[in-house]
Amino acid sequence: MIPLVLLIHAQYLSGSSLHKAQHVFRDALCDSFNTPKALAQVKSLVFLVNVYLERGRSNVNISVVKNIGIWVSKMLRMFGLGEGPPPANGIGWGIASSSPDAEESIDVSGILSWPNLLSGLKPP
């Protein structure tokens, strides 16, 4: 079941949603590097964005959604998820190196974009 607080808050997604998530994320990492709590915050934020986008609002605040996407991508890359340099827009996994001096080649063609990948997760 989706917590009512998340559904109500999803109607009013704003920059403060990102700032609150960043604060909880940092606090979790400062608490003996509490990775599960930090990633749960990322998961909740992605869930919030997905609910916001699924509501079909005609005036979606794309700037806030983009900033959240960039931040989530950076945090997931910090935990080692992603390959090569980040995409030009800052959102996503990046592209694996195809240089001949690379030790091994990784096929990332099957990896979905971060919203699709995390959209099936349920809030904590």
PDB file of N, CA and C in Angstrom:
ATOM      1  N   MET A   1       0.843  -1.178   0.000  1.00  0.00           N
ATOM      2  CA  MET A   1       0.000   0.000   0.000  1.00  0.00           C
ATOM      3  C   MET A   1       0.890   1.244   0.000  1.00  0.00           C
ATOM      4  N   ILE A   2       0.492   2.247  -0.749  1.00  0.00           N
ATOM      5  CA  ILE A   2       1.258   3.480  -0.879  1.00  0.00           C
ATOM      6  C   ILE A   2       0.883   4.415   0.265  1.00  0.00           C
ATOM      7  N   PRO A   3       1.871   4.884   1.033  1.00  0.00           N
ATOM      8  CA  PRO A   3       1.557   5.808   2.125  1.00  0.00           C
ATOM      9  C   PRO A   3       0.871   7.068   1.591  1.00  0.00           C
ATOM     10  N   LEU A   4      -0.203   7.477   2.253  1.00  0.00           N
ATOM     11  CA  LEU A   4      -0.973   8.637   1.839  1.00  0.00           C
ATOM     12  C   LEU A   4      -0.124   9.897   1.800  1.00  0.00           C
ATOM     13  N   VAL A   5       0.815  10.016   2.725  1.00  0.00           N
ATOM     14  CA  VAL A   5       1.680  11.198   2.765  1.00  0.00           C
ATOM     15  C   VAL A   5       2.456  11.332   1.465  1.00  0.00           C
ATOM     16  N   LEU A   6       2.955  10.217   0.918  1.00  0.00           N
ATOM     17  CA  LEU A   6       3.690  10.265  -0.344  1.00  0.00           C
ATOM     18  C   LEU A   6       2.785  10.666  -1.494  1.00  0.00           C
ATOM     19  N   LEU A   7       1.573  10.152  -1.514  1.00  0.00           N
ATOM     20  CA  LEU A   7       0.659  10.499  -2.599  1.00  0.00           C
ATOM     21  C   LEU A   7       0.278  11.972  -2.565  1.00  0.00           C
ATOM     22  N   ILE A   8       0.024  12.496  -1.388  1.00  0.00           N
ATOM     23  CA  ILE A   8      -0.318  13.912  -1.267  1.00  0.00           C
ATOM     24  C   ILE A   8       0.879  14.768  -1.642  1.00  0.00           C
ATOM     25  N   HIS A   9       2.052  14.399  -1.159  1.00  0.00           N
ATOM     26  CA  HIS A   9       3.261  15.176  -1.439  1.00  0.00           C
ATOM     27  C   HIS A   9       3.616  15.142  -2.924  1.00  0.00           C
ATOM     28  N   ALA A  10       3.287  14.062  -3.601  1.00  0.00           N
ATOM     29  CA  ALA A  10       3.616  13.927  -5.021  1.00  0.00           C
ATOM     30  C   ALA A  10       2.876  14.951  -5.877  1.00  0.00           C
ATOM     31  N   GLN A  11       1.754  15.451  -5.384  1.00  0.00           N
ATOM     32  CA  GLN A  11       1.028  16.480  -6.129  1.00  0.00           C
ATOM     33  C   GLN A  11       1.819  17.783  -6.160  1.00  0.00           C
ATOM     34  N   TYR A  12       2.672  17.994  -5.198  1.00  0.00           N
ATOM     35  CA  TYR A  12       3.375  19.264  -5.040  1.00  0.00           C
ATOM     36  C   TYR A  12       4.880  19.084  -5.079  1.00  0.00           C
ATOM     37  N   LEU A  13       5.370  18.287  -5.991  1.00  0.00           N
ATOM     38  CA  LEU A  13       6.796  18.044  -6.120  1.00  0.00           C
ATOM     39  C   LEU A  13       7.514  19.369  -6.373  1.00  0.00           C
ATOM     40  N   SER A  14       8.536  19.638  -5.578  1.00  0.00           N
ATOM     41  CA  SER A  14       9.264  20.895  -5.725  1.00  0.00           C
ATOM     42  C   SER A  14      10.725  20.665  -5.382  1.00  0.00           C
ATOM     43  N   GLY A  15      11.494  21.721  -5.486  1.00  0.00           N
ATOM     44  CA  GLY A  15      12.907  21.639  -5.138  1.00  0.00           C
ATOM     45  C   GLY A  15      13.112  21.236  -3.693  1.00  0.00           C
ATOM     46  N   SER A  16      12.158  21.571  -2.825  1.00  0.00           N
ATOM     47  CA  SER A  16      12.307  21.195  -1.416  1.00  0.00           C
ATOM     48  C   SER A  16      12.257  19.682  -1.239  1.00  0.00           C
ATOM     49  N   SER A  17      11.563  18.971  -2.145  1.00  0.00           N
ATOM     50  CA  SER A  17      11.541  17.501  -2.088  1.00  0.00           C
ATOM     51  C   SER A  17      12.948  16.952  -2.265  1.00  0.00           C
ATOM     52  N   LEU A  18      13.683  17.532  -3.208  1.00  0.00           N
ATOM     53  CA  LEU A  18      15.061  17.114  -3.443  1.00  0.00           C
ATOM     54  C   LEU A  18      15.946  17.478  -2.260  1.00  0.00           C
ATOM     55  N   HIS A  19      15.790  18.678  -1.739  1.00  0.00           N
ATOM     56  CA  HIS A  19      16.631  19.110  -0.616  1.00  0.00           C
ATOM     57  C   HIS A  19      16.399  18.251   0.626  1.00  0.00           C
ATOM     58  N   LYS A  20      15.155  17.899   0.887  1.00  0.00           N
ATOM     59  CA  LYS A  20      14.850  17.032   2.032  1.00  0.00           C
ATOM     60  C   LYS A  20      15.483  15.656   1.837  1.00  0.00           C
ATOM     61  N   ALA A  21      15.371  15.123   0.616  1.00  0.00           N
ATOM     62  CA  ALA A  21      15.952  13.812   0.323  1.00  0.00           C
ATOM     63  C   ALA A  21      17.476  13.854   0.471  1.00  0.00           C
ATOM     64  N   GLN A  22      18.097  14.918  -0.012  1.00  0.00           N
ATOM     65  CA  GLN A  22      19.549  15.061   0.110  1.00  0.00           C
ATOM     66  C   GLN A  22      19.972  15.113   1.575  1.00  0.00           C
ATOM     67  N   HIS A  23      19.192  15.804   2.389  1.00  0.00           N
ATOM     68  CA  HIS A  23      19.513  15.919   3.814  1.00  0.00           C
ATOM     69  C   HIS A  23      19.443  14.546   4.499  1.00  0.00           C
ATOM     70  N   VAL A  24      18.366  13.814   4.254  1.00  0.00           N
ATOM     71  CA  VAL A  24      18.218  12.474   4.852  1.00  0.00           C
ATOM     72  C   VAL A  24      19.315  11.548   4.341  1.00  0.00           C
ATOM     73  N   PHE A  25      19.631  11.636   3.052  1.00  0.00           N
ATOM     74  CA  PHE A  25      20.681  10.820   2.445  1.00  0.00           C
ATOM     75  C   PHE A  25      22.029  11.081   3.126  1.00  0.00           C
ATOM     76  N   ARG A  26      22.380  12.360   3.274  1.00  0.00           N
ATOM     77  CA  ARG A  26      23.660  12.716   3.930  1.00  0.00           C
ATOM     78  C   ARG A  26      23.695  12.255   5.377  1.00  0.00           C
ATOM     79  N   ASP A  27      22.582  12.462   6.099  1.00  0.00           N
ATOM     80  CA  ASP A  27      22.526  12.009   7.486  1.00  0.00           C
ATOM     81  C   ASP A  27      22.733  10.504   7.591  1.00  0.00           C
ATOM     82  N   ALA A  28      22.144   9.769   6.664  1.00  0.00           N
ATOM     83  CA  ALA A  28      22.292   8.309   6.679  1.00  0.00           C
ATOM     84  C   ALA A  28      23.751   7.918   6.457  1.00  0.00           C
ATOM     85  N   LEU A  29      24.413   8.581   5.519  1.00  0.00           N
ATOM     86  CA  LEU A  29      25.810   8.235   5.248  1.00  0.00           C
ATOM     87  C   LEU A  29      26.733   8.668   6.386  1.00  0.00           C
ATOM     88  N   CYS A  30      26.351   9.707   7.100  1.00  0.00           N
ATOM     89  CA  CYS A  30      27.148  10.143   8.253  1.00  0.00           C
ATOM     90  C   CYS A  30      26.920   9.242   9.461  1.00  0.00           C
ATOM     91  N   ASP A  31      25.864   8.464   9.450  1.00  0.00           N
ATOM     92  CA  ASP A  31      25.538   7.536  10.528  1.00  0.00           C
ATOM     93  C   ASP A  31      26.174   6.182  10.225  1.00  0.00           C
ATOM     94  N   SER A  32      27.488   6.108  10.411  1.00  0.00           N
ATOM     95  CA  SER A  32      28.236   4.870  10.168  1.00  0.00           C
ATOM     96  C   SER A  32      28.007   4.334   8.758  1.00  0.00           C
ATOM     97  N   PHE A  33      27.898   5.241   7.796  1.00  0.00           N
ATOM     98  CA  PHE A  33      27.701   4.908   6.393  1.00  0.00           C
ATOM     99  C   PHE A  33      26.522   3.944   6.239  1.00  0.00           C
ATOM    100  N   ASN A  34      25.363   4.382   6.697  1.00  0.00           N
ATOM    101  CA  ASN A  34      24.138   3.578   6.669  1.00  0.00           C
ATOM    102  C   ASN A  34      23.589   3.522   5.244  1.00  0.00           C
ATOM    103  N   THR A  35      24.166   2.652   4.438  1.00  0.00           N
ATOM    104  CA  THR A  35      23.815   2.534   3.025  1.00  0.00           C
ATOM    105  C   THR A  35      22.349   2.144   2.813  1.00  0.00           C
ATOM    106  N   PRO A  36      21.802   1.175   3.556  1.00  0.00           N
ATOM    107  CA  PRO A  36      20.389   0.832   3.330  1.00  0.00           C
ATOM    108  C   PRO A  36      19.456   2.031   3.520  1.00  0.00           C
ATOM    109  N   LYS A  37      19.694   2.834   4.546  1.00  0.00           N
ATOM    110  CA  LYS A  37      18.844   4.002   4.789  1.00  0.00           C
ATOM    111  C   LYS A  37      19.027   5.039   3.674  1.00  0.00           C
ATOM    112  N   ALA A  38      20.253   5.231   3.223  1.00  0.00           N
ATOM    113  CA  ALA A  38      20.524   6.199   2.158  1.00  0.00           C
ATOM    114  C   ALA A  38      19.837   5.778   0.865  1.00  0.00           C
ATOM    115  N   LEU A  39      19.971   4.513   0.493  1.00  0.00           N
ATOM    116  CA  LEU A  39      19.348   4.032  -0.747  1.00  0.00           C
ATOM    117  C   LEU A  39      17.823   3.975  -0.634  1.00  0.00           C
ATOM    118  N   ALA A  40      17.319   3.757   0.583  1.00  0.00           N
ATOM    119  CA  ALA A  40      15.864   3.797   0.775  1.00  0.00           C
ATOM    120  C   ALA A  40      15.343   5.206   0.498  1.00  0.00           C
ATOM    121  N   GLN A  41      16.126   6.218   0.847  1.00  0.00           N
ATOM    122  CA  GLN A  41      15.726   7.593   0.573  1.00  0.00           C
ATOM    123  C   GLN A  41      15.716   7.868  -0.927  1.00  0.00           C
ATOM    124  N   VAL A  42      16.719   7.363  -1.634  1.00  0.00           N
ATOM    125  CA  VAL A  42      16.762   7.510  -3.095  1.00  0.00           C
ATOM    126  C   VAL A  42      15.542   6.819  -3.707  1.00  0.00           C
ATOM    127  N   LYS A  43      15.250   5.616  -3.233  1.00  0.00           N
ATOM    128  CA  LYS A  43      14.105   4.859  -3.740  1.00  0.00           C
ATOM    129  C   LYS A  43      12.798   5.615  -3.491  1.00  0.00           C
ATOM    130  N   SER A  44      12.641   6.197  -2.319  1.00  0.00           N
ATOM    131  CA  SER A  44      11.425   6.959  -2.012  1.00  0.00           C
ATOM    132  C   SER A  44      11.284   8.181  -2.916  1.00  0.00           C
ATOM    133  N   LEU A  45      12.403   8.848  -3.178  1.00  0.00           N
ATOM    134  CA  LEU A  45      12.367  10.024  -4.043  1.00  0.00           C
ATOM    135  C   LEU A  45      11.989   9.638  -5.469  1.00  0.00           C
ATOM    136  N   VAL A  46      12.537   8.538  -5.975  1.00  0.00           N
ATOM    137  CA  VAL A  46      12.195   8.067  -7.321  1.00  0.00           C
ATOM    138  C   VAL A  46      10.717   7.687  -7.371  1.00  0.00           C
ATOM    139  N   PHE A  47      10.237   7.043  -6.328  1.00  0.00           N
ATOM    140  CA  PHE A  47       8.822   6.689  -6.258  1.00  0.00           C
ATOM    141  C   PHE A  47       7.954   7.946  -6.302  1.00  0.00           C
ATOM    142  N   LEU A  48       8.353   8.958  -5.554  1.00  0.00           N
ATOM    143  CA  LEU A  48       7.620  10.215  -5.514  1.00  0.00           C
ATOM    144  C   LEU A  48       7.552  10.859  -6.898  1.00  0.00           C
ATOM    145  N   VAL A  49       8.668  10.860  -7.616  1.00  0.00           N
ATOM    146  CA  VAL A  49       8.701  11.419  -8.975  1.00  0.00           C
ATOM    147  C   VAL A  49       7.807  10.609  -9.901  1.00  0.00           C
ATOM    148  N   ASN A  50       7.863   9.285  -9.793  1.00  0.00           N
ATOM    149  CA  ASN A  50       7.026   8.442 -10.650  1.00  0.00           C
ATOM    150  C   ASN A  50       5.539   8.707 -10.420  1.00  0.00           C
ATOM    151  N   VAL A  51       5.130   8.847  -9.160  1.00  0.00           N
ATOM    152  CA  VAL A  51       3.732   9.151  -8.855  1.00  0.00           C
ATOM    153  C   VAL A  51       3.376  10.521  -9.421  1.00  0.00           C
ATOM    154  N   TYR A  52       4.263  11.465  -9.252  1.00  0.00           N
ATOM    155  CA  TYR A  52       4.047  12.825  -9.769  1.00  0.00           C
ATOM    156  C   TYR A  52       3.848  12.806 -11.285  1.00  0.00           C
ATOM    157  N   LEU A  53       4.681  12.067 -11.993  1.00  0.00           N
ATOM    158  CA  LEU A  53       4.587  12.008 -13.449  1.00  0.00           C
ATOM    159  C   LEU A  53       3.360  11.217 -13.919  1.00  0.00           C
ATOM    160  N   GLU A  54       2.986  10.178 -13.176  1.00  0.00           N
ATOM    161  CA  GLU A  54       1.840   9.360 -13.557  1.00  0.00           C
ATOM    162  C   GLU A  54       0.510  10.069 -13.349  1.00  0.00           C
ATOM    163  N   ARG A  55       0.500  11.114 -12.566  1.00  0.00           N
ATOM    164  CA  ARG A  55      -0.735  11.851 -12.306  1.00  0.00           C
ATOM    165  C   ARG A  55      -1.239  12.558 -13.561  1.00  0.00           C
ATOM    166  N   GLY A  56      -0.385  12.676 -14.585  1.00  0.00           N
ATOM    167  CA  GLY A  56      -0.805  13.270 -15.836  1.00  0.00           C
ATOM    168  C   GLY A  56      -1.065  14.761 -15.767  1.00  0.00           C
ATOM    169  N   ARG A  57      -0.369  15.420 -14.898  1.00  0.00           N
ATOM    170  CA  ARG A  57      -0.555  16.867 -14.761  1.00  0.00           C
ATOM    171  C   ARG A  57      -0.130  17.566 -16.051  1.00  0.00           C
ATOM    172  N   SER A  58      -0.840  18.600 -16.405  1.00  0.00           N
ATOM    173  CA  SER A  58      -0.516  19.323 -17.639  1.00  0.00           C
ATOM    174  C   SER A  58       0.656  20.278 -17.445  1.00  0.00           C
ATOM    175  N   ASN A  59       0.933  20.655 -16.224  1.00  0.00           N
ATOM    176  CA  ASN A  59       2.028  21.589 -15.976  1.00  0.00           C
ATOM    177  C   ASN A  59       3.080  20.951 -15.052  1.00  0.00           C
ATOM    178  N   VAL A  60       3.750  19.935 -15.554  1.00  0.00           N
ATOM    179  CA  VAL A  60       4.799  19.245 -14.799  1.00  0.00           C
ATOM    180  C   VAL A  60       6.008  20.170 -14.684  1.00  0.00           C
ATOM    181  N   ASN A  61       6.573  20.229 -13.500  1.00  0.00           N
ATOM    182  CA  ASN A  61       7.766  21.037 -13.274  1.00  0.00           C
ATOM    183  C   ASN A  61       8.978  20.221 -13.722  1.00  0.00           C
ATOM    184  N   ILE A  62       9.290  20.303 -15.014  1.00  0.00           N
ATOM    185  CA  ILE A  62      10.338  19.469 -15.603  1.00  0.00           C
ATOM    186  C   ILE A  62      11.704  19.792 -15.023  1.00  0.00           C
ATOM    187  N   SER A  63      11.915  21.026 -14.608  1.00  0.00           N
ATOM    188  CA  SER A  63      13.201  21.420 -14.025  1.00  0.00           C
ATOM    189  C   SER A  63      13.483  20.632 -12.744  1.00  0.00           C
ATOM    190  N   VAL A  64      12.473  20.499 -11.901  1.00  0.00           N
ATOM    191  CA  VAL A  64      12.641  19.747 -10.652  1.00  0.00           C
ATOM    192  C   VAL A  64      12.862  18.267 -10.955  1.00  0.00           C
ATOM    193  N   VAL A  65      12.087  17.720 -11.895  1.00  0.00           N
ATOM    194  CA  VAL A  65      12.239  16.309 -12.260  1.00  0.00           C
ATOM    195  C   VAL A  65      13.643  16.063 -12.809  1.00  0.00           C
ATOM    196  N   LYS A  66      14.137  16.968 -13.654  1.00  0.00           N
ATOM    197  CA  LYS A  66      15.482  16.832 -14.224  1.00  0.00           C
ATOM    198  C   LYS A  66      16.545  16.900 -13.130  1.00  0.00           C
ATOM    199  N   ASN A  67      16.430  17.854 -12.210  1.00  0.00           N
ATOM    200  CA  ASN A  67      17.411  17.979 -11.124  1.00  0.00           C
ATOM    201  C   ASN A  67      17.423  16.737 -10.241  1.00  0.00           C
ATOM    202  N   ILE A  68      16.249  16.172  -9.985  1.00  0.00           N
ATOM    203  CA  ILE A  68      16.180  14.935  -9.195  1.00  0.00           C
ATOM    204  C   ILE A  68      16.840  13.798  -9.959  1.00  0.00           C
ATOM    205  N   GLY A  69      16.586  13.712 -11.267  1.00  0.00           N
ATOM    206  CA  GLY A  69      17.213  12.672 -12.086  1.00  0.00           C
ATOM    207  C   GLY A  69      18.728  12.759 -12.081  1.00  0.00           C
ATOM    208  N   ILE A  70      19.252  13.968 -12.177  1.00  0.00           N
ATOM    209  CA  ILE A  70      20.704  14.173 -12.155  1.00  0.00           C
ATOM    210  C   ILE A  70      21.268  13.756 -10.802  1.00  0.00           C
ATOM    211  N   TRP A  71      20.613  14.173  -9.717  1.00  0.00           N
ATOM    212  CA  TRP A  71      21.115  13.841  -8.376  1.00  0.00           C
ATOM    213  C   TRP A  71      21.063  12.338  -8.132  1.00  0.00           C
ATOM    214  N   VAL A  72      19.945  11.696  -8.488  1.00  0.00           N
ATOM    215  CA  VAL A  72      19.821  10.243  -8.293  1.00  0.00           C
ATOM    216  C   VAL A  72      20.901   9.520  -9.092  1.00  0.00           C
ATOM    217  N   SER A  73      21.126   9.944 -10.323  1.00  0.00           N
ATOM    218  CA  SER A  73      22.164   9.317 -11.145  1.00  0.00           C
ATOM    219  C   SER A  73      23.534   9.448 -10.500  1.00  0.00           C
ATOM    220  N   LYS A  74      23.851  10.631  -9.988  1.00  0.00           N
ATOM    221  CA  LYS A  74      25.150  10.847  -9.337  1.00  0.00           C
ATOM    222  C   LYS A  74      25.301   9.959  -8.102  1.00  0.00           C
ATOM    223  N   MET A  75      24.243   9.860  -7.301  1.00  0.00           N
ATOM    224  CA  MET A  75      24.338   9.066  -6.072  1.00  0.00           C
ATOM    225  C   MET A  75      24.477   7.582  -6.392  1.00  0.00           C
ATOM    226  N   LEU A  76      23.745   7.101  -7.392  1.00  0.00           N
ATOM    227  CA  LEU A  76      23.872   5.691  -7.760  1.00  0.00           C
ATOM    228  C   LEU A  76      25.250   5.399  -8.348  1.00  0.00           C
ATOM    229  N   ARG A  77      25.789   6.338  -9.117  1.00  0.00           N
ATOM    230  CA  ARG A  77      27.151   6.173  -9.659  1.00  0.00           C
ATOM    231  C   ARG A  77      28.174   6.183  -8.522  1.00  0.00           C
ATOM    232  N   MET A  78      27.904   6.957  -7.481  1.00  0.00           N
ATOM    233  CA  MET A  78      28.801   6.995  -6.331  1.00  0.00           C
ATOM    234  C   MET A  78      28.909   5.601  -5.697  1.00  0.00           C
ATOM    235  N   PHE A  79      27.822   4.842  -5.755  1.00  0.00           N
ATOM    236  CA  PHE A  79      27.824   3.483  -5.213  1.00  0.00           C
ATOM    237  C   PHE A  79      28.313   2.451  -6.217  1.00  0.00           C
ATOM    238  N   GLY A  80      28.808   2.915  -7.365  1.00  0.00           N
ATOM    239  CA  GLY A  80      29.410   2.015  -8.338  1.00  0.00           C
ATOM    240  C   GLY A  80      28.471   1.529  -9.426  1.00  0.00           C
ATOM    241  N   LEU A  81      27.282   2.090  -9.502  1.00  0.00           N
ATOM    242  CA  LEU A  81      26.346   1.691 -10.549  1.00  0.00           C
ATOM    243  C   LEU A  81      26.529   2.617 -11.737  1.00  0.00           C
ATOM    244  N   GLY A  82      26.928   2.080 -12.844  1.00  0.00           N
ATOM    245  CA  GLY A  82      27.153   2.882 -14.035  1.00  0.00           C
ATOM    246  C   GLY A  82      28.496   2.544 -14.654  1.00  0.00           C
ATOM    247  N   GLU A  83      28.644   2.905 -15.900  1.00  0.00           N
ATOM    248  CA  GLU A  83      29.866   2.611 -16.639  1.00  0.00           C
ATOM    249  C   GLU A  83      30.371   3.849 -17.338  1.00  0.00           C
ATOM    250  N   GLY A  84      31.659   3.998 -17.411  1.00  0.00           N
ATOM    251  CA  GLY A  84      32.263   5.075 -18.183  1.00  0.00           C
ATOM    252  C   GLY A  84      31.823   6.453 -17.724  1.00  0.00           C
ATOM    253  N   PRO A  85      32.051   7.443 -18.567  1.00  0.00           N
ATOM    254  CA  PRO A  85      31.653   8.802 -18.215  1.00  0.00           C
ATOM    255  C   PRO A  85      30.128   8.932 -18.222  1.00  0.00           C
ATOM    256  N   PRO A  86      29.608   9.829 -17.384  1.00  0.00           N
ATOM    257  CA  PRO A  86      28.157   9.999 -17.368  1.00  0.00           C
ATOM    258  C   PRO A  86      27.659  10.600 -18.683  1.00  0.00           C
ATOM    259  N   PRO A  87      26.393  10.384 -19.011  1.00  0.00           N
ATOM    260  CA  PRO A  87      25.826  10.974 -20.228  1.00  0.00           C
ATOM    261  C   PRO A  87      25.905  12.497 -20.175  1.00  0.00           C
ATOM    262  N   ALA A  88      25.799  13.127 -21.332  1.00  0.00           N
ATOM    263  CA  ALA A  88      25.922  14.580 -21.426  1.00  0.00           C
ATOM    264  C   ALA A  88      24.889  15.305 -20.567  1.00  0.00           C
ATOM    265  N   ASN A  89      23.672  14.757 -20.464  1.00  0.00           N
ATOM    266  CA  ASN A  89      22.635  15.423 -19.670  1.00  0.00           C
ATOM    267  C   ASN A  89      22.725  15.099 -18.181  1.00  0.00           C
ATOM    268  N   GLY A  90      23.649  14.201 -17.804  1.00  0.00           N
ATOM    269  CA  GLY A  90      23.854  13.866 -16.399  1.00  0.00           C
ATOM    270  C   GLY A  90      22.892  12.845 -15.843  1.00  0.00           C
ATOM    271  N   ILE A  91      21.957  12.364 -16.648  1.00  0.00           N
ATOM    272  CA  ILE A  91      20.971  11.398 -16.172  1.00  0.00           C
ATOM    273  C   ILE A  91      21.218  10.059 -16.838  1.00  0.00           C
ATOM    274  N   GLY A  92      21.394   9.022 -16.032  1.00  0.00           N
ATOM    275  CA  GLY A  92      21.552   7.680 -16.585  1.00  0.00           C
ATOM    276  C   GLY A  92      22.838   7.011 -16.125  1.00  0.00           C
ATOM    277  N   TRP A  93      23.116   5.873 -16.740  1.00  0.00           N
ATOM    278  CA  TRP A  93      24.207   5.012 -16.320  1.00  0.00           C
ATOM    279  C   TRP A  93      25.540   5.336 -16.965  1.00  0.00           C
ATOM    280  N   GLY A  94      25.562   5.980 -18.101  1.00  0.00           N
ATOM    281  CA  GLY A  94      26.807   6.194 -18.827  1.00  0.00           C
ATOM    282  C   GLY A  94      26.989   5.116 -19.874  1.00  0.00           C
ATOM    283  N   ILE A  95      28.115   5.174 -20.557  1.00  0.00           N
ATOM    284  CA  ILE A  95      28.387   4.228 -21.639  1.00  0.00           C
ATOM    285  C   ILE A  95      29.699   3.519 -21.344  1.00  0.00           C
ATOM    286  N   ALA A  96      29.691   2.196 -21.478  1.00  0.00           N
ATOM    287  CA  ALA A  96      30.894   1.413 -21.219  1.00  0.00           C
ATOM    288  C   ALA A  96      31.970   1.780 -22.232  1.00  0.00           C
ATOM    289  N   SER A  97      33.203   1.721 -21.791  1.00  0.00           N
ATOM    290  CA  SER A  97      34.333   2.026 -22.664  1.00  0.00           C
ATOM    291  C   SER A  97      34.476   0.948 -23.725  1.00  0.00           C
ATOM    292  N   SER A  98      34.718   1.368 -24.956  1.00  0.00           N
ATOM    293  CA  SER A  98      34.923   0.399 -26.032  1.00  0.00           C
ATOM    294  C   SER A  98      36.356   0.480 -26.556  1.00  0.00           C
ATOM    295  N   SER A  99      37.242   1.080 -25.754  1.00  0.00           N
ATOM    296  CA  SER A  99      38.635   1.205 -26.181  1.00  0.00           C
ATOM    297  C   SER A  99      39.316  -0.152 -26.153  1.00  0.00           C
ATOM    298  N   PRO A 100      40.288  -0.374 -27.036  1.00  0.00           N
ATOM    299  CA  PRO A 100      40.960  -1.674 -27.099  1.00  0.00           C
ATOM    300  C   PRO A 100      41.768  -1.998 -25.847  1.00  0.00           C
ATOM    301  N   ASP A 101      42.159  -0.976 -25.074  1.00  0.00           N
ATOM    302  CA  ASP A 101      42.947  -1.257 -23.878  1.00  0.00           C
ATOM    303  C   ASP A 101      42.081  -1.537 -22.657  1.00  0.00           C
ATOM    304  N   ALA A 102      40.754  -1.553 -22.821  1.00  0.00           N
ATOM    305  CA  ALA A 102      39.871  -1.898 -21.713  1.00  0.00           C
ATOM    306  C   ALA A 102      40.043  -3.379 -21.395  1.00  0.00           C
ATOM    307  N   GLU A 103      40.055  -3.704 -20.104  1.00  0.00           N
ATOM    308  CA  GLU A 103      40.275  -5.091 -19.699  1.00  0.00           C
ATOM    309  C   GLU A 103      39.149  -6.010 -20.159  1.00  0.00           C
ATOM    310  N   GLU A 104      37.923  -5.548 -20.062  1.00  0.00           N
ATOM    311  CA  GLU A 104      36.801  -6.353 -20.502  1.00  0.00           C
ATOM    312  C   GLU A 104      35.710  -5.434 -21.019  1.00  0.00           C
ATOM    313  N   SER A 105      34.925  -5.944 -21.918  1.00  0.00           N
ATOM    314  CA  SER A 105      33.845  -5.154 -22.491  1.00  0.00           C
ATOM    315  C   SER A 105      32.540  -5.583 -21.846  1.00  0.00           C
ATOM    316  N   ILE A 106      31.738  -4.609 -21.417  1.00  0.00           N
ATOM    317  CA  ILE A 106      30.480  -4.899 -20.760  1.00  0.00           C
ATOM    318  C   ILE A 106      29.353  -4.442 -21.672  1.00  0.00           C
ATOM    319  N   ASP A 107      28.398  -5.329 -21.924  1.00  0.00           N
ATOM    320  CA  ASP A 107      27.254  -4.976 -22.753  1.00  0.00           C
ATOM    321  C   ASP A 107      26.190  -4.340 -21.868  1.00  0.00           C
ATOM    322  N   VAL A 108      25.968  -3.040 -22.047  1.00  0.00           N
ATOM    323  CA  VAL A 108      24.987  -2.330 -21.229  1.00  0.00           C
ATOM    324  C   VAL A 108      23.713  -2.036 -22.013  1.00  0.00           C
ATOM    325  N   SER A 109      23.543  -2.655 -23.169  1.00  0.00           N
ATOM    326  CA  SER A 109      22.385  -2.356 -24.011  1.00  0.00           C
ATOM    327  C   SER A 109      21.070  -2.757 -23.355  1.00  0.00           C
ATOM    328  N   GLY A 110      21.097  -3.694 -22.431  1.00  0.00           N
ATOM    329  CA  GLY A 110      19.859  -4.138 -21.792  1.00  0.00           C
ATOM    330  C   GLY A 110      19.475  -3.357 -20.560  1.00  0.00           C
ATOM    331  N   ILE A 111      20.303  -2.422 -20.157  1.00  0.00           N
ATOM    332  CA  ILE A 111      20.017  -1.659 -18.947  1.00  0.00           C
ATOM    333  C   ILE A 111      18.996  -0.577 -19.265  1.00  0.00           C
ATOM    334  N   LEU A 112      17.965  -0.501 -18.461  1.00  0.00           N
ATOM    335  CA  LEU A 112      16.917   0.492 -18.657  1.00  0.00           C
ATOM    336  C   LEU A 112      17.327   1.823 -18.050  1.00  0.00           C
ATOM    337  N   SER A 113      16.647   2.870 -18.412  1.00  0.00           N
ATOM    338  CA  SER A 113      16.908   4.165 -17.796  1.00  0.00           C
ATOM    339  C   SER A 113      16.510   4.095 -16.323  1.00  0.00           C
ATOM    340  N   TRP A 114      17.071   4.981 -15.495  1.00  0.00           N
ATOM    341  CA  TRP A 114      16.859   4.872 -14.045  1.00  0.00           C
ATOM    342  C   TRP A 114      15.412   4.956 -13.618  1.00  0.00           C
ATOM    343  N   PRO A 115      14.538   5.798 -14.239  1.00  0.00           N
ATOM    344  CA  PRO A 115      13.163   5.796 -13.752  1.00  0.00           C
ATOM    345  C   PRO A 115      12.463   4.471 -14.013  1.00  0.00           C
ATOM    346  N   ASN A 116      12.708   3.882 -15.188  1.00  0.00           N
ATOM    347  CA  ASN A 116      12.084   2.612 -15.508  1.00  0.00           C
ATOM    348  C   ASN A 116      12.614   1.500 -14.626  1.00  0.00           C
ATOM    349  N   LEU A 117      13.895   1.540 -14.344  1.00  0.00           N
ATOM    350  CA  LEU A 117      14.520   0.517 -13.529  1.00  0.00           C
ATOM    351  C   LEU A 117      13.992   0.540 -12.112  1.00  0.00           C
ATOM    352  N   LEU A 118      13.807   1.732 -11.564  1.00  0.00           N
ATOM    353  CA  LEU A 118      13.403   1.837 -10.165  1.00  0.00           C
ATOM    354  C   LEU A 118      11.902   2.001  -9.969  1.00  0.00           C
ATOM    355  N   SER A 119      11.137   2.109 -11.060  1.00  0.00           N
ATOM    356  CA  SER A 119       9.705   2.376 -10.929  1.00  0.00           C
ATOM    357  C   SER A 119       8.952   1.221 -10.273  1.00  0.00           C
ATOM    358  N   GLY A 120       9.493   0.017 -10.352  1.00  0.00           N
ATOM    359  CA  GLY A 120       8.816  -1.121  -9.746  1.00  0.00           C
ATOM    360  C   GLY A 120       9.046  -1.246  -8.257  1.00  0.00           C
ATOM    361  N   LEU A 121       9.926  -0.425  -7.706  1.00  0.00           N
ATOM    362  CA  LEU A 121      10.207  -0.508  -6.279  1.00  0.00           C
ATOM    363  C   LEU A 121       9.090   0.130  -5.477  1.00  0.00           C
ATOM    364  N   LYS A 122       8.807  -0.443  -4.349  1.00  0.00           N
ATOM    365  CA  LYS A 122       7.768   0.093  -3.482  1.00  0.00           C
ATOM    366  C   LYS A 122       8.426   0.949  -2.403  1.00  0.00           C
ATOM    367  N   PRO A 123       7.722   1.955  -1.898  1.00  0.00           N
ATOM    368  CA  PRO A 123       8.308   2.812  -0.865  1.00  0.00           C
ATOM    369  C   PRO A 123       8.529   2.029   0.424  1.00  0.00           C
ATOM    370  N   PRO A 124       9.474   2.515   1.238  1.00  0.00           N
ATOM    371  CA  PRO A 124       9.747   1.799   2.504  1.00  0.00           C
ATOM    372  C   PRO A 124       8.584   1.890   3.466  1.00  0.00           C
TER     373      PRO A 124
END
